[in-house]
Protein backbone atom coordinates (compact mmCIF):
# COMPACT_ATOMS: atom_id res chain seq x y z
CA MET A 1 95.47 102.45 92.74
CA ARG A 2 93.22 105.03 91.05
CA THR A 3 90.45 104.11 88.64
CA SER A 4 87.55 105.94 87.06
CA LYS A 5 85.21 104.31 89.56
CA ASP A 6 86.74 105.46 92.84
CA ILE A 7 83.56 105.98 94.87
CA SER A 8 84.95 108.55 97.27
CA LEU A 9 83.10 111.85 97.02
CA PRO A 10 85.69 114.41 95.88
CA LEU A 11 86.12 117.37 98.19
CA PRO A 12 85.79 120.25 98.52
CA ARG A 13 82.63 120.12 96.44
CA HIS A 14 82.30 123.91 96.13
CA TRP A 15 85.31 123.91 93.77
CA ILE A 16 83.53 121.47 91.49
CA VAL A 17 80.30 123.42 91.52
CA ALA A 18 82.10 126.65 90.80
CA LEU A 19 83.95 125.07 87.91
CA MET A 20 80.91 123.42 86.40
CA GLY A 21 78.91 126.61 86.79
CA THR A 22 81.37 129.25 85.60
CA VAL A 23 83.16 127.45 82.78
CA ALA A 24 79.97 127.23 80.67
CA SER A 25 80.07 129.60 77.73
CA ALA A 26 77.34 132.18 77.21
CA ALA A 27 76.67 130.91 73.69
CA ALA A 28 76.05 127.39 74.90
CA MET A 29 73.79 128.51 77.70
CA ALA A 30 71.79 130.66 75.32
CA GLN A 31 70.78 127.56 73.40
CA THR A 32 69.21 125.93 76.47
CA THR A 33 65.45 126.21 76.99
CA PRO A 34 64.92 125.89 80.77
CA ASN A 35 61.16 125.32 80.60
CA LEU A 36 61.51 122.11 78.59
CA PRO A 37 62.04 118.73 80.32
CA THR A 38 65.71 117.77 80.54
CA GLU A 39 65.26 114.70 78.30
CA ARG A 40 63.68 116.86 75.59
CA GLN A 41 66.49 119.40 75.83
CA ILE A 42 69.11 116.62 75.51
CA ASP A 43 67.35 115.16 72.44
CA ASP A 44 67.11 118.59 70.81
CA ALA A 45 70.76 119.36 71.57
CA PHE A 46 71.85 116.00 70.15
CA ARG A 47 70.00 116.67 66.89
CA GLN A 48 71.66 120.08 66.69
CA VAL A 49 75.08 118.43 67.10
CA LEU A 50 74.28 115.98 64.29
CA GLU A 51 73.25 118.87 62.03
CA THR A 52 76.50 120.81 62.59
CA PRO A 53 79.15 118.59 64.23
CA SER A 54 81.74 121.36 63.98
CA ASP A 55 79.69 123.86 66.02
CA MET A 56 81.61 124.13 69.30
CA GLY A 57 78.78 125.96 71.08
CA ARG A 58 76.25 123.24 70.31
CA GLY A 59 78.68 120.55 71.38
CA MET A 60 79.32 122.29 74.70
CA ASN A 61 75.60 122.74 75.27
CA TYR A 62 74.95 119.04 74.66
CA ALA A 63 77.73 118.01 77.08
CA GLN A 64 76.49 120.36 79.78
CA LEU A 65 72.92 119.07 79.50
CA LEU A 66 74.19 115.51 79.95
CA VAL A 67 76.04 116.60 83.09
CA GLN A 68 72.94 118.37 84.45
CA ALA A 69 71.03 115.12 83.99
CA GLY A 70 73.67 113.23 85.99
CA ASN A 71 75.16 111.41 82.99
CA TYR A 72 78.78 112.28 83.69
CA GLU A 73 80.22 109.53 81.51
CA GLY A 74 78.07 110.74 78.61
CA GLY A 75 79.35 114.25 79.26
CA VAL A 76 82.92 112.95 79.15
CA ALA A 77 82.33 111.34 75.75
CA ALA A 78 80.73 114.52 74.36
CA LEU A 79 83.59 116.73 75.56
CA GLU A 80 86.28 114.34 74.32
CA ARG A 81 84.75 114.56 70.85
CA LEU A 82 85.17 118.34 70.98
CA LEU A 83 88.88 117.93 71.70
CA LEU A 84 89.32 116.44 68.24
CA ASP A 85 89.32 120.06 67.09
CA PRO A 86 92.89 121.35 67.67
CA ASN A 87 91.48 124.85 68.26
CA ALA A 88 89.05 123.73 71.00
CA PRO A 89 88.79 126.31 73.80
CA ALA A 90 90.78 125.63 76.96
CA THR A 91 87.49 125.54 78.86
CA VAL A 92 86.66 122.22 77.18
CA ARG A 93 89.66 120.58 78.85
CA LEU A 94 88.76 122.28 82.11
CA GLU A 95 85.20 120.94 82.09
CA LEU A 96 86.46 117.51 81.07
CA ALA A 97 88.96 117.54 83.93
CA VAL A 98 86.14 118.37 86.34
CA LEU A 99 84.14 115.36 85.17
CA TYR A 100 87.11 113.00 85.46
CA TYR A 101 87.65 114.40 88.95
CA ARG A 102 84.04 113.68 89.83
CA LEU A 103 84.48 110.12 88.57
CA GLY A 104 87.61 109.68 90.68
CA SER A 105 90.01 109.42 87.74
CA TYR A 106 92.50 111.87 89.19
CA GLY A 107 95.33 110.96 86.81
CA MET A 108 93.29 111.97 83.77
CA ALA A 109 92.08 115.09 85.56
CA GLU A 110 95.65 116.17 86.37
CA SER A 111 96.81 115.69 82.78
CA LEU A 112 93.92 117.72 81.37
CA LEU A 113 94.39 120.51 83.91
CA ASN A 114 98.08 120.80 83.08
CA THR A 115 97.26 121.11 79.39
CA ALA A 116 94.48 123.62 80.02
CA LEU A 117 96.79 125.81 82.11
CA GLU A 118 99.36 125.82 79.30
CA ASP A 119 96.74 127.53 77.11
CA ALA A 120 97.03 131.31 77.41
CA ARG A 121 93.32 131.66 76.59
CA LEU A 122 92.41 130.34 80.05
CA GLN A 123 92.21 133.49 82.14
CA GLY A 124 90.65 135.06 85.22
CA GLU A 125 88.39 133.01 87.47
CA GLN A 126 88.65 129.95 85.24
CA ARG A 127 92.45 129.86 85.53
CA HIS A 128 92.26 130.36 89.31
CA LEU A 129 89.80 127.50 89.68
CA ALA A 130 91.90 125.24 87.45
CA GLU A 131 95.02 125.94 89.56
CA THR A 132 93.09 125.24 92.76
CA LEU A 133 91.70 121.96 91.46
CA LEU A 134 95.13 120.92 90.14
CA ARG A 135 96.68 121.27 93.58
CA ASP A 136 94.01 119.04 95.08
CA THR A 137 94.27 116.53 92.23
CA ARG A 138 98.03 116.19 92.65
CA LYS A 139 97.53 115.50 96.33
CA ARG A 140 94.96 112.79 95.55
CA ASN A 141 97.37 111.11 93.13
CA GLN A 142 99.92 110.59 95.90
CA ILE A 143 100.26 107.16 97.49
CA SER A 144 100.30 108.71 100.96
CA ARG A 145 98.29 111.84 101.60
CA VAL A 146 97.01 113.86 104.53
CA ASP A 147 94.16 116.33 104.59
CA GLY A 148 91.83 117.82 107.14
CA GLN A 149 90.79 121.06 108.69
CA MET A 150 91.15 123.14 111.83
CA ILE A 151 88.23 125.19 113.16
CA LEU A 152 88.38 127.94 115.77
CA GLY A 153 84.98 129.17 116.86
CA LEU A 154 83.00 131.17 119.38
CA ARG A 155 79.65 129.71 120.40
CA ALA A 156 76.81 131.28 122.38
CA GLN A 157 74.13 129.04 123.94
CA THR A 158 71.01 129.75 125.92
CA ASN A 159 71.21 126.52 127.97
CA PRO A 160 74.52 124.68 127.46
CA ALA A 161 74.14 122.60 130.65
CA SER A 162 70.77 121.18 129.45
CA ARG A 163 68.90 122.37 132.54
CA THR A 164 65.17 121.71 132.72
CA SER A 165 62.84 124.50 131.64
CA GLU A 166 60.21 123.43 134.21
CA SER A 167 59.70 125.21 137.54
CA GLN A 168 59.22 121.90 139.39
CA VAL A 169 60.94 118.52 139.09
CA LEU A 170 60.46 115.07 140.57
CA ALA A 171 62.48 113.78 143.52
CA ALA A 172 61.59 110.20 144.47
CA GLY A 173 58.20 110.73 142.83
CA THR A 174 57.40 114.03 144.59
CA LEU A 175 57.29 117.41 142.86
CA VAL A 176 59.76 119.90 144.31
CA PRO A 177 60.76 123.39 143.12
CA VAL A 178 63.89 123.72 141.01
CA ASP A 179 66.87 125.17 142.85
CA PRO A 180 67.67 128.57 141.25
CA ALA A 181 71.28 127.44 140.77
CA TYR A 182 70.07 124.77 138.34
CA ARG A 183 67.82 126.88 136.16
CA PRO A 184 68.79 127.43 132.50
CA LYS A 185 71.60 129.91 132.11
CA SER A 186 73.19 131.22 128.92
CA ASP A 187 76.92 130.94 128.35
CA THR A 188 79.58 131.28 125.69
CA ASP A 189 82.49 129.04 124.86
CA VAL A 190 85.57 129.01 122.68
CA GLN A 191 86.22 125.78 120.85
CA LEU A 192 89.10 124.47 118.79
CA THR A 193 88.54 121.46 116.55
CA LEU A 194 91.13 119.52 114.57
CA GLN A 195 90.26 116.86 112.02
CA LEU A 196 92.99 114.91 110.23
CA ASN A 197 92.56 112.20 107.62
CA HIS A 198 95.37 110.04 106.28
CA GLU A 199 95.14 107.61 103.38
CA TYR A 200 97.84 105.21 102.23
CA ASP A 201 97.16 103.52 98.91
CA LEU A 202 98.35 99.90 98.96
CA GLU A 203 98.16 99.87 95.13
CA THR A 204 96.22 96.62 94.89
CA GLN A 205 93.59 95.57 92.38
CA ASN A 206 90.83 95.94 94.95
CA GLN A 207 91.89 99.55 95.70
CA ALA A 208 92.87 98.65 99.28
CA THR A 209 93.76 101.81 101.20
CA VAL A 210 94.65 102.27 104.84
CA VAL A 211 92.34 105.05 106.03
CA SER A 212 92.94 106.66 109.43
CA SER A 213 91.32 109.65 111.09
CA LEU A 214 91.82 111.82 114.14
CA VAL A 215 89.20 114.14 115.63
CA ALA A 216 90.20 116.32 118.57
CA GLN A 217 88.25 119.13 120.20
CA VAL A 218 88.72 121.44 123.16
CA VAL A 219 85.80 123.47 124.56
CA LYS A 220 86.34 126.23 127.14
CA PHE A 221 83.28 127.89 128.73
CA SER A 222 83.49 131.44 130.00
CA SER A 223 81.79 130.46 133.28
CA SER A 224 84.13 127.56 134.07
CA SER A 225 87.65 127.81 135.40
CA GLY A 226 90.14 125.68 137.23
CA SER A 227 90.15 121.90 137.53
CA ARG A 228 88.54 121.40 140.92
CA LEU A 229 85.78 118.77 140.90
CA GLN A 230 82.69 118.90 143.06
CA PRO A 231 79.39 117.00 143.30
CA ASN A 232 76.43 118.48 141.44
CA GLN A 233 78.48 120.64 139.09
CA VAL A 234 76.61 123.87 138.28
CA ALA A 235 78.73 125.44 135.52
CA PRO A 236 79.17 123.59 132.21
CA TYR A 237 82.22 121.36 131.98
CA ASN A 238 85.27 122.41 130.00
CA LEU A 239 85.82 119.45 127.69
CA ALA A 240 88.65 117.84 125.72
CA LEU A 241 87.86 115.03 123.28
CA ALA A 242 90.06 112.86 121.09
CA GLU A 243 89.02 109.95 118.87
CA VAL A 244 91.15 107.87 116.50
CA THR A 245 89.98 105.33 113.92
CA SER A 246 92.04 103.24 111.52
CA GLY A 247 91.23 100.50 109.05
CA VAL A 248 91.57 99.25 105.48
CA ARG A 249 89.04 100.38 102.89
CA PHE A 250 88.69 98.06 99.90
CA LYS A 251 86.37 96.93 97.14
CA PRO A 252 85.07 93.42 97.90
CA VAL A 253 83.78 92.93 94.34
CA GLN A 254 86.26 92.74 91.48
CA ASP A 255 84.04 94.66 89.10
CA ALA A 256 85.10 97.98 87.58
CA SER A 257 81.50 99.20 87.63
CA SER A 258 80.91 98.33 91.30
CA GLY A 259 80.71 101.26 93.69
CA LEU A 260 80.79 99.12 96.87
CA THR A 261 83.55 99.55 99.46
CA LEU A 262 84.05 98.18 102.97
CA ARG A 263 86.19 99.54 105.77
CA PRO A 264 86.57 97.52 108.97
CA HIS A 265 88.34 99.65 111.56
CA VAL A 266 89.31 100.02 115.20
CA ILE A 267 88.17 102.90 117.42
CA ALA A 268 89.79 104.53 120.45
CA ALA A 269 88.49 107.62 122.24
CA THR A 270 88.92 109.60 125.42
CA LEU A 271 87.00 112.47 127.01
CA SER A 272 88.14 114.69 129.86
CA ALA A 273 86.11 117.24 131.82
CA GLN A 274 87.64 120.09 133.84
CA GLY A 275 91.09 118.78 132.95
CA LYS A 276 90.54 115.30 134.37
CA ASN A 277 89.67 112.04 132.65
CA LEU A 278 85.93 111.39 132.47
CA LEU A 279 85.69 108.32 130.25
CA THR A 280 87.52 106.19 127.72
CA ALA A 281 86.10 104.06 124.93
CA GLY A 282 87.41 101.46 122.54
CA GLY A 283 85.78 99.30 119.94
CA LEU A 284 85.35 98.14 116.37
CA GLY A 285 83.42 99.42 113.39
CA LEU A 286 82.53 98.61 109.80
CA ASP A 287 81.81 101.25 107.15
CA VAL A 288 79.82 100.16 104.11
CA ASN A 289 79.56 102.62 101.21
CA ASN A 290 77.92 102.02 97.88
CA ARG A 291 77.71 104.51 95.03
CA PHE A 292 74.78 103.36 92.92
CA SER A 293 75.39 106.13 90.38
CA GLU A 294 77.28 109.37 90.04
CA ARG A 295 74.49 111.07 92.00
CA LEU A 296 73.27 108.46 94.47
CA LEU A 297 75.42 107.38 97.42
CA LEU A 298 74.65 105.10 100.37
CA GLU A 299 76.85 105.40 103.48
CA ALA A 300 76.18 102.90 106.26
CA GLY A 301 78.00 101.45 109.19
CA ILE A 302 77.93 99.67 112.50
CA GLU A 303 80.05 100.51 115.53
CA HIS A 304 80.59 98.80 118.86
CA ARG A 305 82.22 100.69 121.72
CA GLN A 306 82.95 99.73 125.31
CA PHE A 307 82.69 102.72 127.67
CA SER A 308 84.63 102.96 130.92
CA TYR A 309 84.09 105.88 133.35
CA ALA A 310 86.72 107.21 135.70
CA ASN A 311 86.08 107.30 139.44
CA ARG A 312 85.47 110.97 140.29
CA ILE A 313 83.81 112.80 143.14
CA ASP A 314 81.30 114.33 140.70
CA VAL A 315 80.38 111.02 139.00
CA PRO A 316 78.36 108.82 141.35
CA ASP A 317 78.29 105.09 140.58
CA ALA A 318 81.09 105.49 138.03
CA ASP A 319 81.71 101.74 138.02
CA ALA A 320 78.07 101.14 137.06
CA LEU A 321 78.02 103.61 134.17
CA GLY A 322 80.40 101.75 131.88
CA GLY A 323 79.24 99.21 129.37
CA PRO A 324 78.68 98.44 125.68
CA ASP A 325 77.33 100.94 123.18
CA ASN A 326 76.19 99.89 119.69
CA LEU A 327 75.35 102.18 116.78
CA LEU A 328 73.78 101.30 113.44
CA ARG A 329 73.50 104.09 110.84
CA ALA A 330 72.55 104.53 107.19
CA ARG A 331 72.53 107.69 105.08
CA LEU A 332 71.30 108.01 101.51
CA SER A 333 72.45 111.11 99.60
CA ARG A 334 71.03 112.24 96.29
CA GLU A 335 72.64 114.98 94.22
CA LEU A 336 69.65 116.76 92.72
CA ASP A 337 71.81 119.02 90.55
CA PRO A 338 75.48 119.99 90.69
CA GLY A 339 75.82 121.61 94.10
CA ARG A 340 72.38 120.62 95.46
CA VAL A 341 72.31 117.53 97.69
CA LEU A 342 69.45 116.02 99.68
CA SER A 343 70.23 113.33 102.25
CA GLY A 344 68.25 111.28 104.72
CA GLU A 345 69.80 109.44 107.65
CA LEU A 346 68.55 106.82 110.10
CA ARG A 347 70.32 105.83 113.30
CA ALA A 348 69.64 103.18 115.93
CA ARG A 349 71.64 103.06 119.16
CA THR A 350 71.65 100.82 122.20
CA HIS A 351 73.51 101.77 125.37
CA ARG A 352 73.90 99.39 128.29
CA THR A 353 75.29 99.85 131.81
CA ASP A 354 75.13 98.09 135.18
CA ARG A 355 72.02 100.10 136.13
CA ALA A 356 68.88 99.52 134.09
CA PHE A 357 67.66 103.10 134.53
CA TYR A 358 70.81 104.30 132.70
CA ASP A 359 70.21 101.90 129.79
CA TYR A 360 68.47 103.27 126.72
CA ASP A 361 67.53 102.56 123.13
CA ALA A 362 67.50 105.51 120.73
CA TYR A 363 66.16 105.90 117.19
CA GLU A 364 66.85 108.98 115.08
CA ALA A 365 65.81 110.29 111.67
CA ARG A 366 67.58 113.25 110.07
CA VAL A 367 67.11 115.15 106.80
CA THR A 368 69.71 117.56 105.37
CA TYR A 369 69.61 119.77 102.30
CA SER A 370 72.71 121.60 101.09
CA ALA A 371 73.24 123.99 98.21
CA THR A 372 76.54 125.26 96.82
CA TYR A 373 76.29 128.31 94.61
CA ALA A 374 78.28 131.13 93.07
CA ASN A 375 79.62 133.76 95.45
CA PRO A 376 77.04 136.58 95.64
CA LEU A 377 79.83 139.07 96.38
CA PRO A 378 81.49 139.87 93.04
CA GLN A 379 84.74 141.03 94.64
CA MET A 380 85.31 137.61 96.26
CA THR A 381 86.14 134.22 94.75
CA GLY A 382 84.91 130.75 95.65
CA ALA A 383 81.43 129.34 96.11
CA TRP A 384 79.18 129.55 99.16
CA THR A 385 77.52 126.53 100.72
CA THR A 386 74.31 126.73 102.76
CA TRP A 387 72.69 123.75 104.44
CA PHE A 388 69.54 123.11 106.44
CA TRP A 389 68.78 120.15 108.65
CA GLY A 390 66.13 118.74 110.93
CA SER A 391 66.08 115.64 113.10
CA VAL A 392 63.98 113.82 115.65
CA GLN A 393 65.24 111.21 118.11
CA SER A 394 63.19 108.96 120.38
CA ARG A 395 64.95 107.61 123.47
CA GLY A 396 63.51 105.09 125.91
CA TYR A 397 65.15 103.97 129.14
CA GLY A 398 65.25 100.49 130.61
CA ALA A 399 63.79 101.09 134.10
CA PRO A 400 62.51 103.85 136.39
CA ASP A 401 65.15 105.93 138.17
CA PRO A 402 64.23 105.73 141.89
CA ALA A 403 65.85 109.11 142.54
CA VAL A 404 63.37 110.72 140.10
CA ASP A 405 60.23 108.57 139.94
CA PRO A 406 60.32 104.91 141.08
CA LEU A 407 57.20 104.07 139.01
CA LYS A 408 57.81 105.67 135.62
CA LYS A 409 60.41 104.88 132.97
CA ARG A 410 61.96 107.88 131.29
CA GLN A 411 60.96 108.55 127.67
CA ASP A 412 62.49 111.48 125.74
CA THR A 413 62.04 112.93 122.27
CA ASP A 414 64.67 115.33 120.92
CA TRP A 415 63.84 117.77 118.10
CA ARG A 416 66.57 119.67 116.27
CA VAL A 417 66.51 122.20 113.43
CA GLY A 418 69.41 124.22 112.11
CA VAL A 419 70.97 126.20 109.32
CA GLY A 420 74.61 126.73 108.42
CA ASN A 421 76.67 128.61 105.88
CA THR A 422 80.31 128.59 104.78
CA VAL A 423 81.92 131.56 103.06
CA PRO A 424 85.35 131.02 101.47
CA LEU A 425 87.86 133.73 102.32
CA SER A 426 90.69 132.17 100.29
CA ASP A 427 91.74 128.76 99.00
CA LYS A 428 92.51 127.67 102.57
CA TRP A 429 90.39 129.83 104.84
CA SER A 430 86.61 129.87 105.26
CA LEU A 431 84.10 131.52 107.55
CA LEU A 432 81.54 129.22 109.18
CA MET A 433 78.20 130.30 110.64
CA GLN A 434 75.75 127.87 112.23
CA LEU A 435 72.49 128.25 114.16
CA GLU A 436 70.73 125.30 115.84
CA HIS A 437 67.70 124.98 118.11
CA THR A 438 67.13 121.88 120.24
CA ARG A 439 64.07 120.97 122.28
CA THR A 440 63.65 117.82 124.38
CA ARG A 441 60.21 116.66 125.39
CA SER A 442 60.04 114.08 128.16
CA ASN A 443 57.44 112.31 130.28
CA LEU A 444 59.48 113.46 133.30
CA PRO A 445 59.79 117.21 133.98
CA ASN A 446 63.43 116.79 135.05
CA HIS A 447 64.45 116.20 131.44
CA ARG A 448 62.42 118.79 129.53
CA TRP A 449 64.76 121.42 128.18
CA LYS A 450 65.58 123.59 125.18
CA ASN A 451 68.68 125.29 123.86
CA THR A 452 69.63 127.60 121.02
CA ALA A 453 73.25 127.71 119.88
CA LEU A 454 74.95 130.16 117.52
CA LEU A 455 78.46 129.33 116.27
CA LEU A 456 80.79 131.71 114.44
CA ALA A 457 84.09 130.18 113.37
CA VAL A 458 86.98 130.31 110.96
CA SER A 459 88.14 127.15 109.24
CA TYR A 460 91.57 126.40 107.80
CA ARG A 461 91.86 123.57 105.30
CA LEU A 462 95.10 121.63 105.68
């Protein structure tokens, strides 16, 4: 069941940004004074509307200022008033459809888009964007729908095996030189990632929807071949991962204005290395999302997994490595302006095994800023998205590892910074570029390492 308060964040967001940015008329934008505070501009625009209610340019300017301030419902009301004029431009319906889409009222958005596309005055980039949004809106109005993406990429890394950058390491508390075979070595890999999401609307008053997801990834390193296992593997492992989750998302509060949803779900995952099973995991999770406003979203959750490692010649003490893993996360996202989002995330994780020196508690803080903007290449359509992130994670282990240092517990701190960019090639295809640098500082030289990874990939939206 679809309402105007569906809290899911409509995707892909670059369509919305492109629509909200390109539909604006030049006359309306000319009336905006950027150096004035937004509240003052809104007040001035409202007075101008009262002076000449029939002035379409002033009405559009007022609606757009409300949207820039995050008052989407006010923008809806202002645009609906303009539709009282039978000669209103088709762009009014297009902008109104965008706002209803943002509010999750996909039925209203589809109706407005159909009407706008029947108007011959809607041409060029605006018509293309309206057609693109209509296809997505029709999909969202279906009871059962599937979406996702497939990514094929080539990645280069300076130290994919996470080898120490120190010349000496500890062995039973004694410093020994690092074997040349285990020094950092660069490598490249080809990776294929598939992400599928399925939603089935149960059409209940609490918007209950069965939400399932599949994430699968295969990574093949250029230096690894075959499936033979050996102790003390030197080359990076070729990996294959699959994880499935499924659960019912619903609104626990019967209030049309509430943006709170819950999703209890089950989790199943498996990971293989060099073509043979490495571990399996199963567990339960709970997602808690709350949209406080059109621009402020809280996404939180807790997950419990039980890990089980396979007995392999290259995994000593496999029976002792399995155990419970608990994750608590919370992310707060603020849309600063259409297309500009700032988010902060906190994570706490506990991992337990049958050996205390494998147990650890980890705490992570992450900040991400993303910006979606008009395509700088005039011959291409679609909007670009660039994002930057940085994170720090502290990880403390439960006991000293006698094979490294019998008197000192391991304590690591991971630092990560990165930048990424997506370039749309068509409605379905995009180019993805991502650069990330990781550095781990540790009180034990065995675990001090750094790595820089560059990913170039193409993405196909299903």
